[in-house]
Amino acid sequence: MNEILDLVALVLVLIGALLCVTAAIGLLRFHDVPTRLHAATKPQVLGLVLICIAIALAMRSWSVVAFLVPIVVIQFATAPLSAHMVGRQAYRNGTIDERSLYVDELAEARRTPPAAGG
């Protein structure tokens, strides 16, 4: 049984590392902010979760699991928040191609002057 758990952990580490590398390549290759944000958050977070699961399986200790759970929770909390902040700032700077947006929910706020209360 130990050999099977070690093999599963190895496969999870390899898949997680592959996802993290894919995220890094996506950051370099994609041209606009929304696709870069997608590449930075989705595969990177999943890769980290898979690597943490692999570490928990390989170590077979509840203290390790207790250490890894906050890491995963913090990653789940900070990745979408930081992506939202970067995307919002890119929209405000005008670096997003507005033709690629299907729905522009912030268009009205952009037209309203900041002192107008809108």
PDB file of N, CA and C in Angstrom:
ATOM      1  N   MET A   1       0.822  -1.205   0.000  1.00  0.00           N
ATOM      2  CA  MET A   1       0.000   0.000   0.000  1.00  0.00           C
ATOM      3  C   MET A   1       0.861   1.263   0.000  1.00  0.00           C
ATOM      4  N   ASN A   2       1.989   1.215   0.689  1.00  0.00           N
ATOM      5  CA  ASN A   2       2.879   2.375   0.717  1.00  0.00           C
ATOM      6  C   ASN A   2       3.427   2.702  -0.661  1.00  0.00           C
ATOM      7  N   GLU A   3       3.726   1.665  -1.438  1.00  0.00           N
ATOM      8  CA  GLU A   3       4.253   1.890  -2.775  1.00  0.00           C
ATOM      9  C   GLU A   3       3.213   2.548  -3.678  1.00  0.00           C
ATOM     10  N   ILE A   4       1.963   2.158  -3.504  1.00  0.00           N
ATOM     11  CA  ILE A   4       0.894   2.748  -4.308  1.00  0.00           C
ATOM     12  C   ILE A   4       0.708   4.215  -3.954  1.00  0.00           C
ATOM     13  N   LEU A   5       0.731   4.536  -2.658  1.00  0.00           N
ATOM     14  CA  LEU A   5       0.598   5.932  -2.236  1.00  0.00           C
ATOM     15  C   LEU A   5       1.778   6.771  -2.719  1.00  0.00           C
ATOM     16  N   ASP A   6       2.971   6.183  -2.695  1.00  0.00           N
ATOM     17  CA  ASP A   6       4.136   6.907  -3.203  1.00  0.00           C
ATOM     18  C   ASP A   6       4.031   7.147  -4.707  1.00  0.00           C
ATOM     19  N   LEU A   7       3.529   6.173  -5.434  1.00  0.00           N
ATOM     20  CA  LEU A   7       3.351   6.328  -6.874  1.00  0.00           C
ATOM     21  C   LEU A   7       2.294   7.387  -7.181  1.00  0.00           C
ATOM     22  N   VAL A   8       1.196   7.383  -6.435  1.00  0.00           N
ATOM     23  CA  VAL A   8       0.157   8.403  -6.609  1.00  0.00           C
ATOM     24  C   VAL A   8       0.726   9.783  -6.302  1.00  0.00           C
ATOM     25  N   ALA A   9       1.514   9.883  -5.233  1.00  0.00           N
ATOM     26  CA  ALA A   9       2.135  11.165  -4.884  1.00  0.00           C
ATOM     27  C   ALA A   9       3.073  11.637  -5.990  1.00  0.00           C
ATOM     28  N   LEU A  10       3.836  10.729  -6.568  1.00  0.00           N
ATOM     29  CA  LEU A  10       4.740  11.085  -7.659  1.00  0.00           C
ATOM     30  C   LEU A  10       3.972  11.611  -8.862  1.00  0.00           C
ATOM     31  N   VAL A  11       2.905  10.931  -9.213  1.00  0.00           N
ATOM     32  CA  VAL A  11       2.092  11.361 -10.361  1.00  0.00           C
ATOM     33  C   VAL A  11       1.462  12.728 -10.088  1.00  0.00           C
ATOM     34  N   LEU A  12       0.986  12.946  -8.859  1.00  0.00           N
ATOM     35  CA  LEU A  12       0.379  14.235  -8.522  1.00  0.00           C
ATOM     36  C   LEU A  12       1.405  15.369  -8.555  1.00  0.00           C
ATOM     37  N   VAL A  13       2.623  15.096  -8.100  1.00  0.00           N
ATOM     38  CA  VAL A  13       3.670  16.118  -8.163  1.00  0.00           C
ATOM     39  C   VAL A  13       3.997  16.449  -9.619  1.00  0.00           C
ATOM     40  N   LEU A  14       4.090  15.440 -10.452  1.00  0.00           N
ATOM     41  CA  LEU A  14       4.396  15.687 -11.861  1.00  0.00           C
ATOM     42  C   LEU A  14       3.289  16.477 -12.559  1.00  0.00           C
ATOM     43  N   ILE A  15       2.047  16.111 -12.296  1.00  0.00           N
ATOM     44  CA  ILE A  15       0.931  16.842 -12.905  1.00  0.00           C
ATOM     45  C   ILE A  15       0.876  18.267 -12.373  1.00  0.00           C
ATOM     46  N   GLY A  16       1.078  18.434 -11.063  1.00  0.00           N
ATOM     47  CA  GLY A  16       1.072  19.772 -10.478  1.00  0.00           C
ATOM     48  C   GLY A  16       2.192  20.641 -11.014  1.00  0.00           C
ATOM     49  N   ALA A  17       3.376  20.064 -11.162  1.00  0.00           N
ATOM     50  CA  ALA A  17       4.493  20.822 -11.718  1.00  0.00           C
ATOM     51  C   ALA A  17       4.232  21.182 -13.177  1.00  0.00           C
ATOM     52  N   LEU A  18       3.642  20.275 -13.917  1.00  0.00           N
ATOM     53  CA  LEU A  18       3.301  20.557 -15.309  1.00  0.00           C
ATOM     54  C   LEU A  18       2.283  21.700 -15.409  1.00  0.00           C
ATOM     55  N   LEU A  19       1.307  21.706 -14.513  1.00  0.00           N
ATOM     56  CA  LEU A  19       0.333  22.796 -14.514  1.00  0.00           C
ATOM     57  C   LEU A  19       0.981  24.130 -14.155  1.00  0.00           C
ATOM     58  N   CYS A  20       1.897  24.124 -13.202  1.00  0.00           N
ATOM     59  CA  CYS A  20       2.586  25.372 -12.830  1.00  0.00           C
ATOM     60  C   CYS A  20       3.458  25.885 -13.979  1.00  0.00           C
ATOM     61  N   VAL A  21       4.109  24.975 -14.687  1.00  0.00           N
ATOM     62  CA  VAL A  21       4.909  25.386 -15.846  1.00  0.00           C
ATOM     63  C   VAL A  21       4.005  25.917 -16.955  1.00  0.00           C
ATOM     64  N   THR A  22       2.860  25.274 -17.135  1.00  0.00           N
ATOM     65  CA  THR A  22       1.898  25.746 -18.125  1.00  0.00           C
ATOM     66  C   THR A  22       1.420  27.162 -17.789  1.00  0.00           C
ATOM     67  N   ALA A  23       1.206  27.434 -16.510  1.00  0.00           N
ATOM     68  CA  ALA A  23       0.799  28.777 -16.097  1.00  0.00           C
ATOM     69  C   ALA A  23       1.891  29.792 -16.412  1.00  0.00           C
ATOM     70  N   ALA A  24       3.128  29.435 -16.162  1.00  0.00           N
ATOM     71  CA  ALA A  24       4.239  30.356 -16.450  1.00  0.00           C
ATOM     72  C   ALA A  24       4.367  30.605 -17.950  1.00  0.00           C
ATOM     73  N   ILE A  25       4.216  29.565 -18.740  1.00  0.00           N
ATOM     74  CA  ILE A  25       4.282  29.736 -20.198  1.00  0.00           C
ATOM     75  C   ILE A  25       3.122  30.603 -20.683  1.00  0.00           C
ATOM     76  N   GLY A  26       1.935  30.406 -20.101  1.00  0.00           N
ATOM     77  CA  GLY A  26       0.786  31.228 -20.475  1.00  0.00           C
ATOM     78  C   GLY A  26       0.998  32.691 -20.158  1.00  0.00           C
ATOM     79  N   LEU A  27       1.646  32.991 -19.042  1.00  0.00           N
ATOM     80  CA  LEU A  27       1.940  34.384 -18.712  1.00  0.00           C
ATOM     81  C   LEU A  27       2.863  35.015 -19.740  1.00  0.00           C
ATOM     82  N   LEU A  28       3.773  34.234 -20.278  1.00  0.00           N
ATOM     83  CA  LEU A  28       4.710  34.766 -21.259  1.00  0.00           C
ATOM     84  C   LEU A  28       4.114  34.854 -22.656  1.00  0.00           C
ATOM     85  N   ARG A  29       3.258  33.907 -23.010  1.00  0.00           N
ATOM     86  CA  ARG A  29       2.786  33.813 -24.382  1.00  0.00           C
ATOM     87  C   ARG A  29       1.525  34.611 -24.683  1.00  0.00           C
ATOM     88  N   PHE A  30       0.622  34.728 -23.722  1.00  0.00           N
ATOM     89  CA  PHE A  30      -0.632  35.428 -23.993  1.00  0.00           C
ATOM     90  C   PHE A  30      -0.394  36.925 -24.072  1.00  0.00           C
ATOM     91  N   HIS A  31      -1.237  37.596 -24.847  1.00  0.00           N
ATOM     92  CA  HIS A  31      -0.994  38.997 -25.162  1.00  0.00           C
ATOM     93  C   HIS A  31      -1.840  39.986 -24.373  1.00  0.00           C
ATOM     94  N   ASP A  32      -3.037  39.595 -23.953  1.00  0.00           N
ATOM     95  CA  ASP A  32      -3.879  40.562 -23.257  1.00  0.00           C
ATOM     96  C   ASP A  32      -4.053  40.180 -21.786  1.00  0.00           C
ATOM     97  N   VAL A  33      -4.525  41.134 -21.027  1.00  0.00           N
ATOM     98  CA  VAL A  33      -4.596  40.976 -19.574  1.00  0.00           C
ATOM     99  C   VAL A  33      -5.568  39.872 -19.142  1.00  0.00           C
ATOM    100  N   PRO A  34      -6.786  39.782 -19.683  1.00  0.00           N
ATOM    101  CA  PRO A  34      -7.690  38.731 -19.203  1.00  0.00           C
ATOM    102  C   PRO A  34      -7.157  37.311 -19.416  1.00  0.00           C
ATOM    103  N   THR A  35      -6.545  37.046 -20.539  1.00  0.00           N
ATOM    104  CA  THR A  35      -6.015  35.698 -20.757  1.00  0.00           C
ATOM    105  C   THR A  35      -4.793  35.440 -19.894  1.00  0.00           C
ATOM    106  N   ARG A  36      -3.986  36.448 -19.648  1.00  0.00           N
ATOM    107  CA  ARG A  36      -2.853  36.271 -18.734  1.00  0.00           C
ATOM    108  C   ARG A  36      -3.330  36.012 -17.314  1.00  0.00           C
ATOM    109  N   LEU A  37      -4.382  36.709 -16.907  1.00  0.00           N
ATOM    110  CA  LEU A  37      -4.925  36.465 -15.568  1.00  0.00           C
ATOM    111  C   LEU A  37      -5.470  35.052 -15.450  1.00  0.00           C
ATOM    112  N   HIS A  38      -6.121  34.581 -16.495  1.00  0.00           N
ATOM    113  CA  HIS A  38      -6.629  33.210 -16.491  1.00  0.00           C
ATOM    114  C   HIS A  38      -5.473  32.222 -16.366  1.00  0.00           C
ATOM    115  N   ALA A  39      -4.417  32.470 -17.117  1.00  0.00           N
ATOM    116  CA  ALA A  39      -3.255  31.574 -17.064  1.00  0.00           C
ATOM    117  C   ALA A  39      -2.547  31.657 -15.718  1.00  0.00           C
ATOM    118  N   ALA A  40      -2.581  32.803 -15.084  1.00  0.00           N
ATOM    119  CA  ALA A  40      -1.882  32.960 -13.810  1.00  0.00           C
ATOM    120  C   ALA A  40      -2.638  32.343 -12.649  1.00  0.00           C
ATOM    121  N   THR A  41      -3.954  32.263 -12.741  1.00  0.00           N
ATOM    122  CA  THR A  41      -4.711  31.795 -11.586  1.00  0.00           C
ATOM    123  C   THR A  41      -5.160  30.344 -11.691  1.00  0.00           C
ATOM    124  N   LYS A  42      -5.779  29.967 -12.772  1.00  0.00           N
ATOM    125  CA  LYS A  42      -6.394  28.646 -12.835  1.00  0.00           C
ATOM    126  C   LYS A  42      -5.388  27.485 -12.744  1.00  0.00           C
ATOM    127  N   PRO A  43      -4.460  27.341 -13.678  1.00  0.00           N
ATOM    128  CA  PRO A  43      -3.570  26.183 -13.593  1.00  0.00           C
ATOM    129  C   PRO A  43      -2.580  26.270 -12.435  1.00  0.00           C
ATOM    130  N   GLN A  44      -2.201  27.475 -12.046  1.00  0.00           N
ATOM    131  CA  GLN A  44      -1.233  27.604 -10.967  1.00  0.00           C
ATOM    132  C   GLN A  44      -1.847  27.154  -9.644  1.00  0.00           C
ATOM    133  N   VAL A  45      -3.078  27.542  -9.384  1.00  0.00           N
ATOM    134  CA  VAL A  45      -3.738  27.151  -8.134  1.00  0.00           C
ATOM    135  C   VAL A  45      -3.981  25.650  -8.122  1.00  0.00           C
ATOM    136  N   LEU A  46      -4.454  25.095  -9.222  1.00  0.00           N
ATOM    137  CA  LEU A  46      -4.677  23.655  -9.285  1.00  0.00           C
ATOM    138  C   LEU A  46      -3.368  22.893  -9.136  1.00  0.00           C
ATOM    139  N   GLY A  47      -2.300  23.393  -9.740  1.00  0.00           N
ATOM    140  CA  GLY A  47      -0.994  22.753  -9.598  1.00  0.00           C
ATOM    141  C   GLY A  47      -0.520  22.757  -8.161  1.00  0.00           C
ATOM    142  N   LEU A  48      -0.698  23.868  -7.459  1.00  0.00           N
ATOM    143  CA  LEU A  48      -0.305  23.935  -6.057  1.00  0.00           C
ATOM    144  C   LEU A  48      -1.128  22.977  -5.203  1.00  0.00           C
ATOM    145  N   VAL A  49      -2.422  22.898  -5.462  1.00  0.00           N
ATOM    146  CA  VAL A  49      -3.276  21.974  -4.706  1.00  0.00           C
ATOM    147  C   VAL A  49      -2.842  20.534  -4.929  1.00  0.00           C
ATOM    148  N   LEU A  50      -2.542  20.162  -6.160  1.00  0.00           N
ATOM    149  CA  LEU A  50      -2.094  18.796  -6.438  1.00  0.00           C
ATOM    150  C   LEU A  50      -0.768  18.496  -5.762  1.00  0.00           C
ATOM    151  N   ILE A  51       0.140  19.453  -5.751  1.00  0.00           N
ATOM    152  CA  ILE A  51       1.422  19.244  -5.086  1.00  0.00           C
ATOM    153  C   ILE A  51       1.231  19.117  -3.576  1.00  0.00           C
ATOM    154  N   CYS A  52       0.335  19.910  -3.005  1.00  0.00           N
ATOM    155  CA  CYS A  52       0.075  19.793  -1.567  1.00  0.00           C
ATOM    156  C   CYS A  52      -0.558  18.450  -1.218  1.00  0.00           C
ATOM    157  N   ILE A  53      -1.462  17.971  -2.051  1.00  0.00           N
ATOM    158  CA  ILE A  53      -2.045  16.641  -1.827  1.00  0.00           C
ATOM    159  C   ILE A  53      -0.962  15.579  -1.911  1.00  0.00           C
ATOM    160  N   ALA A  54      -0.060  15.716  -2.873  1.00  0.00           N
ATOM    161  CA  ALA A  54       1.037  14.752  -3.016  1.00  0.00           C
ATOM    162  C   ALA A  54       1.946  14.763  -1.786  1.00  0.00           C
ATOM    163  N   ILE A  55       2.224  15.947  -1.265  1.00  0.00           N
ATOM    164  CA  ILE A  55       3.053  16.028  -0.054  1.00  0.00           C
ATOM    165  C   ILE A  55       2.350  15.351   1.112  1.00  0.00           C
ATOM    166  N   ALA A  56       1.051  15.589   1.250  1.00  0.00           N
ATOM    167  CA  ALA A  56       0.300  14.956   2.340  1.00  0.00           C
ATOM    168  C   ALA A  56       0.294  13.436   2.201  1.00  0.00           C
ATOM    169  N   LEU A  57       0.155  12.941   0.971  1.00  0.00           N
ATOM    170  CA  LEU A  57       0.183  11.486   0.767  1.00  0.00           C
ATOM    171  C   LEU A  57       1.566  10.895   1.029  1.00  0.00           C
ATOM    172  N   ALA A  58       2.589  11.603   0.637  1.00  0.00           N
ATOM    173  CA  ALA A  58       3.945  11.083   0.813  1.00  0.00           C
ATOM    174  C   ALA A  58       4.376  11.099   2.278  1.00  0.00           C
ATOM    175  N   MET A  59       3.981  12.130   3.017  1.00  0.00           N
ATOM    176  CA  MET A  59       4.419  12.245   4.411  1.00  0.00           C
ATOM    177  C   MET A  59       3.557  11.420   5.357  1.00  0.00           C
ATOM    178  N   ARG A  60       2.298  11.218   5.015  1.00  0.00           N
ATOM    179  CA  ARG A  60       1.373  10.410   5.812  1.00  0.00           C
ATOM    180  C   ARG A  60       1.328  10.854   7.278  1.00  0.00           C
ATOM    181  N   SER A  61       1.153  12.158   7.479  1.00  0.00           N
ATOM    182  CA  SER A  61       1.130  12.701   8.834  1.00  0.00           C
ATOM    183  C   SER A  61       0.054  13.772   8.919  1.00  0.00           C
ATOM    184  N   TRP A  62      -0.729  13.730  10.003  1.00  0.00           N
ATOM    185  CA  TRP A  62      -1.781  14.719  10.168  1.00  0.00           C
ATOM    186  C   TRP A  62      -1.210  16.103  10.443  1.00  0.00           C
ATOM    187  N   SER A  63      -0.031  16.171  11.036  1.00  0.00           N
ATOM    188  CA  SER A  63       0.567  17.485  11.283  1.00  0.00           C
ATOM    189  C   SER A  63       0.965  18.160   9.959  1.00  0.00           C
ATOM    190  N   VAL A  64       1.382  17.373   8.998  1.00  0.00           N
ATOM    191  CA  VAL A  64       1.698  17.927   7.674  1.00  0.00           C
ATOM    192  C   VAL A  64       0.425  18.410   6.988  1.00  0.00           C
ATOM    193  N   VAL A  65      -0.641  17.643   7.098  1.00  0.00           N
ATOM    194  CA  VAL A  65      -1.924  18.050   6.521  1.00  0.00           C
ATOM    195  C   VAL A  65      -2.399  19.344   7.175  1.00  0.00           C
ATOM    196  N   ALA A  66      -2.234  19.441   8.496  1.00  0.00           N
ATOM    197  CA  ALA A  66      -2.637  20.665   9.197  1.00  0.00           C
ATOM    198  C   ALA A  66      -1.802  21.858   8.758  1.00  0.00           C
ATOM    199  N   PHE A  67      -0.579  21.624   8.339  1.00  0.00           N
ATOM    200  CA  PHE A  67       0.269  22.695   7.839  1.00  0.00           C
ATOM    201  C   PHE A  67      -0.097  23.074   6.403  1.00  0.00           C
ATOM    202  N   LEU A  68      -0.514  22.111   5.598  1.00  0.00           N
ATOM    203  CA  LEU A  68      -0.809  22.360   4.185  1.00  0.00           C
ATOM    204  C   LEU A  68      -2.185  22.965   3.946  1.00  0.00           C
ATOM    205  N   VAL A  69      -3.132  22.686   4.808  1.00  0.00           N
ATOM    206  CA  VAL A  69      -4.493  23.207   4.619  1.00  0.00           C
ATOM    207  C   VAL A  69      -4.518  24.735   4.605  1.00  0.00           C
ATOM    208  N   PRO A  70      -3.854  25.428   5.550  1.00  0.00           N
ATOM    209  CA  PRO A  70      -3.860  26.902   5.448  1.00  0.00           C
ATOM    210  C   PRO A  70      -3.177  27.427   4.180  1.00  0.00           C
ATOM    211  N   ILE A  71      -2.181  26.718   3.708  1.00  0.00           N
ATOM    212  CA  ILE A  71      -1.520  27.141   2.467  1.00  0.00           C
ATOM    213  C   ILE A  71      -2.504  27.118   1.304  1.00  0.00           C
ATOM    214  N   VAL A  72      -3.272  26.056   1.205  1.00  0.00           N
ATOM    215  CA  VAL A  72      -4.253  25.935   0.124  1.00  0.00           C
ATOM    216  C   VAL A  72      -5.371  26.961   0.293  1.00  0.00           C
ATOM    217  N   VAL A  73      -5.834  27.156   1.521  1.00  0.00           N
ATOM    218  CA  VAL A  73      -6.905  28.122   1.767  1.00  0.00           C
ATOM    219  C   VAL A  73      -6.445  29.541   1.418  1.00  0.00           C
ATOM    220  N   ILE A  74      -5.234  29.891   1.825  1.00  0.00           N
ATOM    221  CA  ILE A  74      -4.713  31.222   1.510  1.00  0.00           C
ATOM    222  C   ILE A  74      -4.559  31.398   0.004  1.00  0.00           C
ATOM    223  N   GLN A  75      -4.123  30.346  -0.679  1.00  0.00           N
ATOM    224  CA  GLN A  75      -3.994  30.428  -2.140  1.00  0.00           C
ATOM    225  C   GLN A  75      -5.356  30.611  -2.797  1.00  0.00           C
ATOM    226  N   PHE A  76      -6.367  29.885  -2.302  1.00  0.00           N
ATOM    227  CA  PHE A  76      -7.718  30.049  -2.842  1.00  0.00           C
ATOM    228  C   PHE A  76      -8.259  31.450  -2.578  1.00  0.00           C
ATOM    229  N   ALA A  77      -7.845  32.067  -1.491  1.00  0.00           N
ATOM    230  CA  ALA A  77      -8.351  33.401  -1.157  1.00  0.00           C
ATOM    231  C   ALA A  77      -7.611  34.499  -1.913  1.00  0.00           C
ATOM    232  N   THR A  78      -6.304  34.359  -2.095  1.00  0.00           N
ATOM    233  CA  THR A  78      -5.531  35.464  -2.660  1.00  0.00           C
ATOM    234  C   THR A  78      -5.455  35.455  -4.182  1.00  0.00           C
ATOM    235  N   ALA A  79      -5.485  34.315  -4.813  1.00  0.00           N
ATOM    236  CA  ALA A  79      -5.360  34.271  -6.275  1.00  0.00           C
ATOM    237  C   ALA A  79      -6.515  34.986  -6.984  1.00  0.00           C
ATOM    238  N   PRO A  80      -7.777  34.711  -6.650  1.00  0.00           N
ATOM    239  CA  PRO A  80      -8.854  35.451  -7.331  1.00  0.00           C
ATOM    240  C   PRO A  80      -8.864  36.936  -6.979  1.00  0.00           C
ATOM    241  N   LEU A  81      -8.524  37.252  -5.743  1.00  0.00           N
ATOM    242  CA  LEU A  81      -8.514  38.651  -5.326  1.00  0.00           C
ATOM    243  C   LEU A  81      -7.451  39.445  -6.075  1.00  0.00           C
ATOM    244  N   SER A  82      -6.268  38.894  -6.167  1.00  0.00           N
ATOM    245  CA  SER A  82      -5.208  39.612  -6.881  1.00  0.00           C
ATOM    246  C   SER A  82      -5.510  39.699  -8.376  1.00  0.00           C
ATOM    247  N   ALA A  83      -6.092  38.648  -8.952  1.00  0.00           N
ATOM    248  CA  ALA A  83      -6.460  38.698 -10.367  1.00  0.00           C
ATOM    249  C   ALA A  83      -7.533  39.754 -10.614  1.00  0.00           C
ATOM    250  N   HIS A  84      -8.483  39.863  -9.699  1.00  0.00           N
ATOM    251  CA  HIS A  84      -9.521  40.890  -9.831  1.00  0.00           C
ATOM    252  C   HIS A  84      -8.909  42.280  -9.770  1.00  0.00           C
ATOM    253  N   MET A  85      -8.002  42.495  -8.851  1.00  0.00           N
ATOM    254  CA  MET A  85      -7.387  43.823  -8.704  1.00  0.00           C
ATOM    255  C   MET A  85      -6.555  44.185  -9.944  1.00  0.00           C
ATOM    256  N   VAL A  86      -5.820  43.231 -10.475  1.00  0.00           N
ATOM    257  CA  VAL A  86      -5.012  43.498 -11.669  1.00  0.00           C
ATOM    258  C   VAL A  86      -5.923  43.759 -12.871  1.00  0.00           C
ATOM    259  N   GLY A  87      -6.970  42.974 -13.009  1.00  0.00           N
ATOM    260  CA  GLY A  87      -7.905  43.178 -14.114  1.00  0.00           C
ATOM    261  C   GLY A  87      -8.624  44.504 -14.022  1.00  0.00           C
ATOM    262  N   ARG A  88      -9.024  44.883 -12.835  1.00  0.00           N
ATOM    263  CA  ARG A  88      -9.706  46.168 -12.656  1.00  0.00           C
ATOM    264  C   ARG A  88      -8.785  47.338 -12.983  1.00  0.00           C
ATOM    265  N   GLN A  89      -7.524  47.231 -12.542  1.00  0.00           N
ATOM    266  CA  GLN A  89      -6.582  48.308 -12.839  1.00  0.00           C
ATOM    267  C   GLN A  89      -6.272  48.374 -14.335  1.00  0.00           C
ATOM    268  N   ALA A  90      -6.177  47.239 -14.983  1.00  0.00           N
ATOM    269  CA  ALA A  90      -5.950  47.228 -16.433  1.00  0.00           C
ATOM    270  C   ALA A  90      -7.136  47.859 -17.158  1.00  0.00           C
ATOM    271  N   TYR A  91      -8.342  47.613 -16.675  1.00  0.00           N
ATOM    272  CA  TYR A  91      -9.518  48.236 -17.279  1.00  0.00           C
ATOM    273  C   TYR A  91      -9.478  49.750 -17.095  1.00  0.00           C
ATOM    274  N   ARG A  92      -9.130  50.182 -15.894  1.00  0.00           N
ATOM    275  CA  ARG A  92      -9.066  51.623 -15.640  1.00  0.00           C
ATOM    276  C   ARG A  92      -7.975  52.302 -16.456  1.00  0.00           C
ATOM    277  N   ASN A  93      -6.861  51.621 -16.666  1.00  0.00           N
ATOM    278  CA  ASN A  93      -5.774  52.183 -17.468  1.00  0.00           C
ATOM    279  C   ASN A  93      -6.076  52.173 -18.955  1.00  0.00           C
ATOM    280  N   GLY A  94      -7.053  51.379 -19.362  1.00  0.00           N
ATOM    281  CA  GLY A  94      -7.385  51.285 -20.778  1.00  0.00           C
ATOM    282  C   GLY A  94      -6.508  50.310 -21.538  1.00  0.00           C
ATOM    283  N   THR A  95      -5.865  49.384 -20.838  1.00  0.00           N
ATOM    284  CA  THR A  95      -5.000  48.425 -21.522  1.00  0.00           C
ATOM    285  C   THR A  95      -5.745  47.164 -21.952  1.00  0.00           C
ATOM    286  N   ILE A  96      -7.034  47.089 -21.675  1.00  0.00           N
ATOM    287  CA  ILE A  96      -7.850  45.951 -22.121  1.00  0.00           C
ATOM    288  C   ILE A  96      -8.520  46.329 -23.430  1.00  0.00           C
ATOM    289  N   ASP A  97      -8.496  45.420 -24.389  1.00  0.00           N
ATOM    290  CA  ASP A  97      -9.173  45.642 -25.656  1.00  0.00           C
ATOM    291  C   ASP A  97     -10.676  45.567 -25.417  1.00  0.00           C
ATOM    292  N   GLU A  98     -11.349  46.698 -25.478  1.00  0.00           N
ATOM    293  CA  GLU A  98     -12.773  46.750 -25.146  1.00  0.00           C
ATOM    294  C   GLU A  98     -13.647  45.995 -26.149  1.00  0.00           C
ATOM    295  N   ARG A  99     -13.149  45.764 -27.331  1.00  0.00           N
ATOM    296  CA  ARG A  99     -13.924  44.993 -28.313  1.00  0.00           C
ATOM    297  C   ARG A  99     -14.002  43.526 -27.914  1.00  0.00           C
ATOM    298  N   SER A 100     -13.062  43.055 -27.090  1.00  0.00           N
ATOM    299  CA  SER A 100     -13.072  41.653 -26.682  1.00  0.00           C
ATOM    300  C   SER A 100     -14.004  41.395 -25.506  1.00  0.00           C
ATOM    301  N   LEU A 101     -14.548  42.440 -24.904  1.00  0.00           N
ATOM    302  CA  LEU A 101     -15.465  42.279 -23.782  1.00  0.00           C
ATOM    303  C   LEU A 101     -16.870  41.988 -24.292  1.00  0.00           C
ATOM    304  N   TYR A 102     -17.482  40.935 -23.807  1.00  0.00           N
ATOM    305  CA  TYR A 102     -18.851  40.622 -24.199  1.00  0.00           C
ATOM    306  C   TYR A 102     -19.835  41.542 -23.478  1.00  0.00           C
ATOM    307  N   VAL A 103     -19.612  41.742 -22.189  1.00  0.00           N
ATOM    308  CA  VAL A 103     -20.444  42.616 -21.374  1.00  0.00           C
ATOM    309  C   VAL A 103     -19.509  43.561 -20.646  1.00  0.00           C
ATOM    310  N   ASP A 104     -19.770  44.829 -20.747  1.00  0.00           N
ATOM    311  CA  ASP A 104     -18.945  45.826 -20.068  1.00  0.00           C
ATOM    312  C   ASP A 104     -19.768  46.448 -18.954  1.00  0.00           C
ATOM    313  N   GLU A 105     -19.713  45.854 -17.779  1.00  0.00           N
ATOM    314  CA  GLU A 105     -20.516  46.318 -16.655  1.00  0.00           C
ATOM    315  C   GLU A 105     -19.985  47.621 -16.059  1.00  0.00           C
ATOM    316  N   LEU A 106     -18.764  47.972 -16.350  1.00  0.00           N
ATOM    317  CA  LEU A 106     -18.169  49.176 -15.781  1.00  0.00           C
ATOM    318  C   LEU A 106     -18.192  50.360 -16.748  1.00  0.00           C
ATOM    319  N   ALA A 107     -18.842  50.221 -17.887  1.00  0.00           N
ATOM    320  CA  ALA A 107     -18.848  51.301 -18.880  1.00  0.00           C
ATOM    321  C   ALA A 107     -19.521  52.553 -18.327  1.00  0.00           C
ATOM    322  N   GLU A 108     -20.610  52.379 -17.596  1.00  0.00           N
ATOM    323  CA  GLU A 108     -21.315  53.542 -17.036  1.00  0.00           C
ATOM    324  C   GLU A 108     -20.463  54.237 -15.985  1.00  0.00           C
ATOM    325  N   ALA A 109     -19.776  53.485 -15.158  1.00  0.00           N
ATOM    326  CA  ALA A 109     -18.915  54.084 -14.132  1.00  0.00           C
ATOM    327  C   ALA A 109     -17.735  54.806 -14.772  1.00  0.00           C
ATOM    328  N   ARG A 110     -17.319  54.348 -15.925  1.00  0.00           N
ATOM    329  CA  ARG A 110     -16.192  54.988 -16.609  1.00  0.00           C
ATOM    330  C   ARG A 110     -16.590  56.339 -17.200  1.00  0.00           C
ATOM    331  N   ARG A 111     -17.843  56.459 -17.638  1.00  0.00           N
ATOM    332  CA  ARG A 111     -18.318  57.704 -18.234  1.00  0.00           C
ATOM    333  C   ARG A 111     -18.664  58.754 -17.173  1.00  0.00           C
ATOM    334  N   THR A 112     -18.980  58.310 -15.951  1.00  0.00           N
ATOM    335  CA  THR A 112     -19.366  59.237 -14.885  1.00  0.00           C
ATOM    336  C   THR A 112     -18.115  59.814 -14.237  1.00  0.00           C
ATOM    337  N   PRO A 113     -18.028  61.116 -14.095  1.00  0.00           N
ATOM    338  CA  PRO A 113     -16.856  61.688 -13.421  1.00  0.00           C
ATOM    339  C   PRO A 113     -16.801  61.250 -11.959  1.00  0.00           C
ATOM    340  N   PRO A 114     -15.596  61.104 -11.400  1.00  0.00           N
ATOM    341  CA  PRO A 114     -15.483  60.620 -10.019  1.00  0.00           C
ATOM    342  C   PRO A 114     -16.156  61.532  -9.002  1.00  0.00           C
ATOM    343  N   ALA A 115     -16.176  62.829  -9.234  1.00  0.00           N
ATOM    344  CA  ALA A 115     -16.776  63.750  -8.269  1.00  0.00           C
ATOM    345  C   ALA A 115     -18.302  63.766  -8.339  1.00  0.00           C
ATOM    346  N   ALA A 116     -18.875  63.087  -9.351  1.00  0.00           N
ATOM    347  CA  ALA A 116     -20.336  63.112  -9.514  1.00  0.00           C
ATOM    348  C   ALA A 116     -21.029  62.119  -8.610  1.00  0.00           C
ATOM    349  N   GLY A 117     -20.263  61.324  -7.878  1.00  0.00           N
ATOM    350  CA  GLY A 117     -20.860  60.358  -6.959  1.00  0.00           C
ATOM    351  C   GLY A 117     -21.249  59.057  -7.605  1.00  0.00           C
ATOM    352  N   GLY A 118     -20.791  58.791  -8.818  1.00  0.00           N
ATOM    353  CA  GLY A 118     -21.188  57.569  -9.516  1.00  0.00           C
ATOM    354  C   GLY A 118     -20.218  56.511  -9.506  1.00  0.00           C
TER     355      GLY A 118
END
